Amino acid sequence: MPHRRSADSRFTGVDACPGGWVAVTLAGTPPAVTVMVARTLDGLALDGVTGIDMPLGLLATGWRTADLLARRALGRRGSCVFAIPPRPVWEQPAYANANRGCRELTGRGMSIQAWGLRRKLLEADEFRRAAATPPLYEVHPELSFAALAGGAPLADSKHTASGLAIRRALLAEAGIALPSRVPGAAEDDLLDAAAVAWSAGRVAAGAAVTLGDPDQRADDGREIAIRY
């Protein structure tokens, strides 16, 4: 059952950043914004409905349907959604081993960019498996920004000045006013975390779009789905 939005509701979005993880929490209406950076997810002391820009749920073999659906939803911007290989690939010690193992398990290799997620991906996986964690949902911020923009994926990359300005303006229109900079977090990470927090509010209200195959479960039995 979805959580109901109320004046004292708190929703948090989390993204990886140079300092570890950045969390943006929205509380109340209009939302008061709190930003925190910590080296680990445990250090963020998360509570309430939380979205995270990191794959959650790994398969024993094959590819996640949620990633394919997210790529399709973003059209030409779909390349920002990495195809996430099964768990045995992430257990390899180096990219060459992982790429070879991925080909053996799935018939094709993995990108070096996806391999770059390894440490944070495994930390998020372990965090979600812990019994004491709050509700945690996978969110892709580019889908969030598309929804904020009325449904069309943004044309400008977040790695450009214009792309950053567009994303900050969309968040401001939603009542989310962010600081110009936060120590330990790049601007794009901060904006992504805020967009994920916005989607966490939609999850809580039962208004989020969910992408995934309900019959495809992670190797720990949990769902694999991307929300926004």
Protein backbone atom coordinates (compact mmCIF):
# COMPACT_ATOMS: atom_id res chain seq x y z
CA MET A 1 0.00 0.00 0.00
CA PRO A 2 1.49 3.39 -0.94
CA HIS A 3 2.36 5.91 1.71
CA ARG A 4 0.12 8.99 1.78
CA ARG A 5 1.63 12.44 1.29
CA SER A 6 1.14 14.76 4.27
CA ALA A 7 2.50 18.08 5.50
CA ASP A 8 5.19 16.36 7.59
CA SER A 9 6.14 13.68 5.05
CA ARG A 10 9.84 13.19 4.31
CA PHE A 11 11.17 11.82 1.05
CA THR A 12 14.82 11.31 0.24
CA GLY A 13 16.81 10.87 -2.94
CA VAL A 14 20.33 9.45 -2.94
CA ASP A 15 23.05 9.51 -5.57
CA ALA A 16 26.69 8.47 -5.63
CA CYS A 17 29.17 11.36 -5.55
CA PRO A 18 32.91 11.96 -5.10
CA GLY A 19 32.45 12.18 -1.32
CA GLY A 20 30.55 8.88 -1.19
CA TRP A 21 26.82 9.52 -1.33
CA VAL A 22 24.70 12.66 -1.42
CA ALA A 23 21.16 12.65 -0.02
CA VAL A 24 18.51 15.30 -0.61
CA THR A 25 15.54 15.15 1.75
CA LEU A 26 12.28 16.99 1.09
CA ALA A 27 10.05 17.64 4.10
CA GLY A 28 6.66 19.31 4.22
CA THR A 29 4.73 21.40 1.68
CA PRO A 30 6.30 23.43 0.18
CA PRO A 31 9.31 21.23 0.74
CA ALA A 32 12.13 22.23 3.05
CA VAL A 33 15.35 20.88 1.56
CA THR A 34 18.11 19.19 3.54
CA VAL A 35 21.33 18.00 1.90
CA MET A 36 23.80 15.57 3.43
CA VAL A 37 26.98 13.89 2.15
CA ALA A 38 28.41 10.77 3.76
CA ARG A 39 31.07 8.25 2.82
CA THR A 40 28.66 5.31 3.20
CA LEU A 41 24.93 4.72 2.91
CA ASP A 42 24.85 3.79 6.59
CA GLY A 43 26.30 7.22 7.35
CA LEU A 44 23.27 8.95 5.81
CA ALA A 45 20.95 7.60 8.56
CA LEU A 46 18.10 7.27 6.06
CA ASP A 47 14.48 6.97 7.11
CA GLY A 48 11.15 7.16 5.31
CA VAL A 49 10.60 6.49 1.62
CA THR A 50 13.95 6.71 -0.16
CA GLY A 51 14.90 6.54 -3.81
CA ILE A 52 18.40 5.80 -4.99
CA ASP A 53 20.09 6.27 -8.34
CA MET A 54 21.75 2.87 -8.32
CA PRO A 55 20.64 -0.53 -9.65
CA LEU A 56 18.86 -2.58 -7.00
CA GLY A 57 18.36 -6.29 -7.51
CA LEU A 58 20.68 -8.60 -9.46
CA LEU A 59 19.82 -11.69 -11.44
CA ALA A 60 21.59 -15.04 -11.29
CA THR A 61 21.77 -14.98 -15.09
CA GLY A 62 20.54 -12.85 -17.97
CA TRP A 63 19.65 -9.16 -18.23
CA ARG A 64 17.22 -7.01 -16.26
CA THR A 65 14.06 -6.08 -18.15
CA ALA A 66 13.75 -2.82 -16.19
CA ASP A 67 16.91 -1.45 -17.80
CA LEU A 68 15.64 -2.22 -21.30
CA LEU A 69 12.31 -0.52 -20.58
CA ALA A 70 14.05 2.54 -19.14
CA ARG A 71 16.27 2.84 -22.21
CA ARG A 72 13.22 2.68 -24.44
CA ALA A 73 11.40 5.31 -22.40
CA LEU A 74 14.32 7.72 -22.76
CA GLY A 75 14.71 7.30 -26.52
CA ARG A 76 17.98 8.79 -27.76
CA ARG A 77 18.95 9.56 -24.17
CA GLY A 78 18.62 5.87 -23.31
CA SER A 79 22.36 5.29 -23.42
CA CYS A 80 22.57 6.81 -19.92
CA VAL A 81 20.86 3.67 -18.57
CA PHE A 82 23.43 0.92 -18.20
CA ALA A 83 22.56 -2.71 -18.91
CA ILE A 84 23.20 -4.48 -15.59
CA PRO A 85 24.72 -7.98 -15.82
CA PRO A 86 23.93 -10.85 -13.39
CA ARG A 87 25.56 -11.14 -9.96
CA PRO A 88 28.43 -13.53 -10.87
CA VAL A 89 29.83 -10.82 -13.17
CA TRP A 90 30.09 -8.33 -10.30
CA GLU A 91 31.98 -10.87 -8.19
CA GLN A 92 34.93 -10.82 -10.60
CA PRO A 93 38.12 -9.02 -9.49
CA ALA A 94 38.68 -6.91 -12.62
CA TYR A 95 36.88 -5.64 -15.71
CA ALA A 96 38.56 -8.10 -18.12
CA ASN A 97 37.35 -11.04 -16.02
CA ALA A 98 33.89 -9.51 -15.64
CA ASN A 99 33.53 -8.81 -19.35
CA ARG A 100 34.56 -12.38 -20.22
CA GLY A 101 32.19 -13.82 -17.62
CA CYS A 102 29.38 -11.61 -18.87
CA ARG A 103 29.81 -12.95 -22.41
CA GLU A 104 29.74 -16.50 -21.09
CA LEU A 105 26.54 -15.91 -19.09
CA THR A 106 24.61 -13.61 -21.41
CA GLY A 107 26.12 -13.83 -24.87
CA ARG A 108 27.50 -10.29 -24.86
CA GLY A 109 29.88 -8.17 -22.85
CA MET A 110 29.37 -5.33 -20.42
CA SER A 111 30.46 -1.71 -20.76
CA ILE A 112 33.41 -0.33 -18.84
CA GLN A 113 31.08 2.44 -17.65
CA ALA A 114 28.77 -0.12 -16.04
CA TRP A 115 31.77 -1.80 -14.39
CA GLY A 116 32.58 1.56 -12.84
CA LEU A 117 29.45 1.19 -10.70
CA ARG A 118 30.74 -1.98 -9.05
CA ARG A 119 31.75 -0.72 -5.60
CA LYS A 120 28.70 1.51 -5.10
CA LEU A 121 26.34 -1.05 -6.66
CA LEU A 122 27.47 -3.78 -4.27
CA GLU A 123 27.25 -1.39 -1.31
CA ALA A 124 23.65 -0.51 -2.24
CA ASP A 125 22.84 -4.20 -2.71
CA GLU A 126 24.16 -5.05 0.75
CA PHE A 127 22.37 -2.05 2.27
CA ARG A 128 19.01 -3.09 0.83
CA ARG A 129 19.46 -6.63 2.11
CA ALA A 130 19.93 -5.39 5.67
CA ALA A 131 16.83 -5.97 7.81
CA ALA A 132 16.80 -2.46 9.31
CA THR A 133 16.81 -0.46 6.06
CA PRO A 134 13.94 1.93 5.19
CA PRO A 135 11.82 1.41 2.06
CA LEU A 136 14.36 1.78 -0.75
CA TYR A 137 13.43 2.16 -4.43
CA GLU A 138 15.54 2.31 -7.56
CA VAL A 139 14.99 5.57 -9.45
CA HIS A 140 16.70 6.84 -12.59
CA PRO A 141 16.97 10.64 -12.45
CA GLU A 142 16.81 11.11 -16.23
CA LEU A 143 13.33 9.58 -16.12
CA SER A 144 12.49 11.89 -13.22
CA PHE A 145 13.63 14.94 -15.15
CA ALA A 146 11.65 13.81 -18.19
CA ALA A 147 8.55 13.62 -16.01
CA LEU A 148 9.30 17.05 -14.52
CA ALA A 149 9.57 18.40 -18.07
CA GLY A 150 6.14 17.06 -19.01
CA GLY A 151 7.19 13.67 -20.33
CA ALA A 152 9.88 14.44 -22.91
CA PRO A 153 13.48 13.35 -22.17
CA LEU A 154 15.82 16.30 -21.84
CA ALA A 155 17.89 17.01 -24.93
CA ASP A 156 20.86 18.54 -23.10
CA SER A 157 23.25 16.32 -21.16
CA LYS A 158 23.77 16.93 -17.46
CA HIS A 159 27.46 17.26 -18.26
CA THR A 160 26.88 20.61 -19.99
CA ALA A 161 26.22 24.03 -18.46
CA SER A 162 22.90 24.29 -20.27
CA GLY A 163 21.88 20.82 -19.12
CA LEU A 164 22.62 21.66 -15.49
CA ALA A 165 20.70 24.95 -15.76
CA ILE A 166 17.65 23.22 -17.25
CA ARG A 167 17.62 20.59 -14.52
CA ARG A 168 18.00 23.15 -11.74
CA ALA A 169 15.16 25.22 -13.22
CA LEU A 170 12.85 22.19 -13.43
CA LEU A 171 13.51 21.39 -9.78
CA ALA A 172 12.90 25.02 -8.80
CA GLU A 173 9.55 24.93 -10.62
CA ALA A 174 8.68 21.92 -8.45
CA GLY A 175 9.52 23.95 -5.33
CA ILE A 176 12.92 22.35 -4.76
CA ALA A 177 15.49 25.09 -4.15
CA LEU A 178 19.03 23.75 -3.93
CA PRO A 179 22.30 25.32 -2.84
CA SER A 180 24.69 26.28 -5.64
CA ARG A 181 27.26 23.79 -4.39
CA VAL A 182 27.74 21.18 -1.67
CA PRO A 183 31.19 20.03 -0.49
CA GLY A 184 31.83 16.46 -1.58
CA ALA A 185 29.16 16.39 -4.28
CA ALA A 186 29.35 17.51 -7.90
CA GLU A 187 26.49 19.69 -9.11
CA ASP A 188 25.04 16.98 -11.35
CA ASP A 189 25.04 14.52 -8.44
CA LEU A 190 23.19 17.03 -6.26
CA LEU A 191 20.58 17.68 -8.96
CA ASP A 192 20.15 13.96 -9.61
CA ALA A 193 19.62 13.26 -5.90
CA ALA A 194 16.97 16.00 -5.75
CA ALA A 195 15.16 14.57 -8.79
CA VAL A 196 15.24 11.14 -7.17
CA ALA A 197 13.75 12.64 -3.99
CA TRP A 198 10.95 14.13 -6.09
CA SER A 199 10.24 10.68 -7.51
CA ALA A 200 10.36 9.18 -4.00
CA GLY A 201 7.48 11.50 -3.16
CA ARG A 202 5.60 10.12 -6.17
CA VAL A 203 6.31 6.59 -4.96
CA ALA A 204 4.92 7.47 -1.55
CA ALA A 205 1.79 8.95 -3.08
CA GLY A 206 1.25 5.95 -5.36
CA ALA A 207 1.77 8.17 -8.43
CA ALA A 208 5.12 6.88 -9.70
CA VAL A 209 5.55 5.06 -13.00
CA THR A 210 7.08 1.60 -12.53
CA LEU A 211 9.19 -0.07 -15.21
CA GLY A 212 9.94 -3.76 -14.93
CA ASP A 213 8.70 -7.30 -15.40
CA PRO A 214 6.71 -8.38 -12.31
CA ASP A 215 7.71 -11.97 -13.00
CA GLN A 216 11.43 -11.19 -13.03
CA ARG A 217 12.79 -11.34 -9.51
CA ALA A 218 16.28 -10.74 -8.17
CA ASP A 219 18.33 -13.64 -6.90
CA ASP A 220 17.27 -12.71 -3.36
CA GLY A 221 13.57 -12.83 -4.33
CA ARG A 222 13.06 -9.06 -4.32
CA GLU A 223 11.57 -7.06 -7.16
CA ILE A 224 13.58 -5.48 -9.93
CA ALA A 225 11.94 -2.23 -10.99
CA ILE A 226 12.84 1.34 -11.87
CA ARG A 227 10.44 4.04 -10.71
CA TYR A 228 10.12 7.74 -11.45
